[in-house]
Amino acid sequence: MTSDDFRTLSYTDKTEAVLTGTYLAARSDEHYFIKLYNVENFYLEIFFDSRSQLIIHFRAFEHTLFVLPYLEDLKIAV
């Protein structure tokens, strides 16, 4: 499956596809709690409403540029 394939899925199929992925990281802003997953050949962000905890939006992408916000809190031991 590609990110384009994912975008065409129904809401239910999208939530099921997440179960096949690997959780990578999380972040938050004033409106959302966002989880990052790797699903097959792409990355997937799931946006949860901070108040209701309901899924508001899915964002599927291949480019690693969108992973950068998650690296701010990453600590690497040397």
C-alpha atoms as a PDB file:
ATOM      1  CA  MET A   1       0.000   0.000   0.000  1.00  0.00           C
ATOM      2  CA  THR A   2       1.178   3.520  -0.751  1.00  0.00           C
ATOM      3  CA  SER A   3       0.183   6.787   0.888  1.00  0.00           C
ATOM      4  CA  ASP A   4      -2.038   7.505  -2.135  1.00  0.00           C
ATOM      5  CA  ASP A   5      -3.785   4.158  -1.641  1.00  0.00           C
ATOM      6  CA  PHE A   6      -4.260   4.964   2.033  1.00  0.00           C
ATOM      7  CA  ARG A   7      -5.876   8.313   1.264  1.00  0.00           C
ATOM      8  CA  THR A   8      -8.630   6.566  -0.736  1.00  0.00           C
ATOM      9  CA  LEU A   9      -9.602   4.244   2.144  1.00  0.00           C
ATOM     10  CA  SER A  10     -12.694   4.722   4.277  1.00  0.00           C
ATOM     11  CA  TYR A  11     -12.321   5.935   7.856  1.00  0.00           C
ATOM     12  CA  THR A  12     -12.760   2.390   9.162  1.00  0.00           C
ATOM     13  CA  ASP A  13     -10.189   0.953   6.756  1.00  0.00           C
ATOM     14  CA  LYS A  14      -7.732   3.689   7.714  1.00  0.00           C
ATOM     15  CA  THR A  15      -8.047   2.863  11.404  1.00  0.00           C
ATOM     16  CA  GLU A  16      -7.510  -0.830  10.599  1.00  0.00           C
ATOM     17  CA  ALA A  17      -4.431  -0.033   8.484  1.00  0.00           C
ATOM     18  CA  VAL A  18      -2.865   1.695  11.491  1.00  0.00           C
ATOM     19  CA  LEU A  19      -2.926  -1.634  13.328  1.00  0.00           C
ATOM     20  CA  THR A  20      -0.511  -3.056  10.741  1.00  0.00           C
ATOM     21  CA  GLY A  21       1.940  -0.202  11.301  1.00  0.00           C
ATOM     22  CA  THR A  22       4.690   0.489  13.787  1.00  0.00           C
ATOM     23  CA  TYR A  23       4.313   3.275  16.322  1.00  0.00           C
ATOM     24  CA  LEU A  24       7.267   5.683  16.122  1.00  0.00           C
ATOM     25  CA  ALA A  25       6.623   8.824  18.161  1.00  0.00           C
ATOM     26  CA  ALA A  26       4.130  11.379  19.439  1.00  0.00           C
ATOM     27  CA  ARG A  27       3.898  15.118  19.775  1.00  0.00           C
ATOM     28  CA  SER A  28       1.257  17.668  20.649  1.00  0.00           C
ATOM     29  CA  ASP A  29       0.265  21.225  19.997  1.00  0.00           C
ATOM     30  CA  GLU A  30      -2.476  23.401  21.462  1.00  0.00           C
ATOM     31  CA  HIS A  31      -5.255  21.616  19.540  1.00  0.00           C
ATOM     32  CA  TYR A  32      -4.051  18.085  18.774  1.00  0.00           C
ATOM     33  CA  PHE A  33      -2.216  15.082  20.109  1.00  0.00           C
ATOM     34  CA  ILE A  34      -0.456  13.531  17.097  1.00  0.00           C
ATOM     35  CA  LYS A  35       0.942  10.028  16.780  1.00  0.00           C
ATOM     36  CA  LEU A  36       3.391   8.997  14.076  1.00  0.00           C
ATOM     37  CA  TYR A  37       3.393   5.502  12.575  1.00  0.00           C
ATOM     38  CA  ASN A  38       5.285   3.709   9.843  1.00  0.00           C
ATOM     39  CA  VAL A  39       2.811   1.757   7.708  1.00  0.00           C
ATOM     40  CA  GLU A  40       4.334  -0.347   4.939  1.00  0.00           C
ATOM     41  CA  ASN A  41       6.141   2.159   2.664  1.00  0.00           C
ATOM     42  CA  PHE A  42       4.948   5.446   4.157  1.00  0.00           C
ATOM     43  CA  TYR A  43       4.533   7.442   7.343  1.00  0.00           C
ATOM     44  CA  LEU A  44       1.173   8.169   8.894  1.00  0.00           C
ATOM     45  CA  GLU A  45       0.184  10.861  11.349  1.00  0.00           C
ATOM     46  CA  ILE A  46      -3.020  10.481  13.320  1.00  0.00           C
ATOM     47  CA  PHE A  47      -4.429  13.705  14.748  1.00  0.00           C
ATOM     48  CA  PHE A  48      -6.484  13.353  17.918  1.00  0.00           C
ATOM     49  CA  ASP A  49      -8.571  16.210  19.279  1.00  0.00           C
ATOM     50  CA  SER A  50      -6.984  17.251  22.594  1.00  0.00           C
ATOM     51  CA  ARG A  51     -10.337  17.556  24.338  1.00  0.00           C
ATOM     52  CA  SER A  52     -12.412  14.666  22.982  1.00  0.00           C
ATOM     53  CA  GLN A  53      -9.521  12.288  22.149  1.00  0.00           C
ATOM     54  CA  LEU A  54     -11.322  11.455  18.882  1.00  0.00           C
ATOM     55  CA  ILE A  55      -9.420  11.008  15.628  1.00  0.00           C
ATOM     56  CA  ILE A  56      -9.844  14.194  13.629  1.00  0.00           C
ATOM     57  CA  HIS A  57      -7.495  13.652  10.705  1.00  0.00           C
ATOM     58  CA  PHE A  58      -5.049  11.234   9.076  1.00  0.00           C
ATOM     59  CA  ARG A  59      -2.020  12.454   7.116  1.00  0.00           C
ATOM     60  CA  ALA A  60      -0.086   9.925   5.029  1.00  0.00           C
ATOM     61  CA  PHE A  61       3.255  10.856   3.446  1.00  0.00           C
ATOM     62  CA  GLU A  62       6.565   9.452   2.214  1.00  0.00           C
ATOM     63  CA  HIS A  63       8.844  12.448   2.594  1.00  0.00           C
ATOM     64  CA  THR A  64      10.891  12.488   5.798  1.00  0.00           C
ATOM     65  CA  LEU A  65      10.596  16.283   6.023  1.00  0.00           C
ATOM     66  CA  PHE A  66       7.315  15.825   7.914  1.00  0.00           C
ATOM     67  CA  VAL A  67       9.095  13.655  10.507  1.00  0.00           C
ATOM     68  CA  LEU A  68      11.304  16.553  11.652  1.00  0.00           C
ATOM     69  CA  PRO A  69       8.887  17.881  14.329  1.00  0.00           C
ATOM     70  CA  TYR A  70       9.251  14.552  16.143  1.00  0.00           C
ATOM     71  CA  LEU A  71      13.037  14.808  16.255  1.00  0.00           C
ATOM     72  CA  GLU A  72      13.037  17.890  18.497  1.00  0.00           C
ATOM     73  CA  ASP A  73      12.465  15.768  21.610  1.00  0.00           C
ATOM     74  CA  LEU A  74      14.661  12.875  20.519  1.00  0.00           C
ATOM     75  CA  LYS A  75      17.613  12.249  22.803  1.00  0.00           C
ATOM     76  CA  ILE A  76      20.460  10.134  21.527  1.00  0.00           C
ATOM     77  CA  ALA A  77      22.948   8.645  23.956  1.00  0.00           C
ATOM     78  CA  VAL A  78      26.521   8.645  22.711  1.00  0.00           C
END
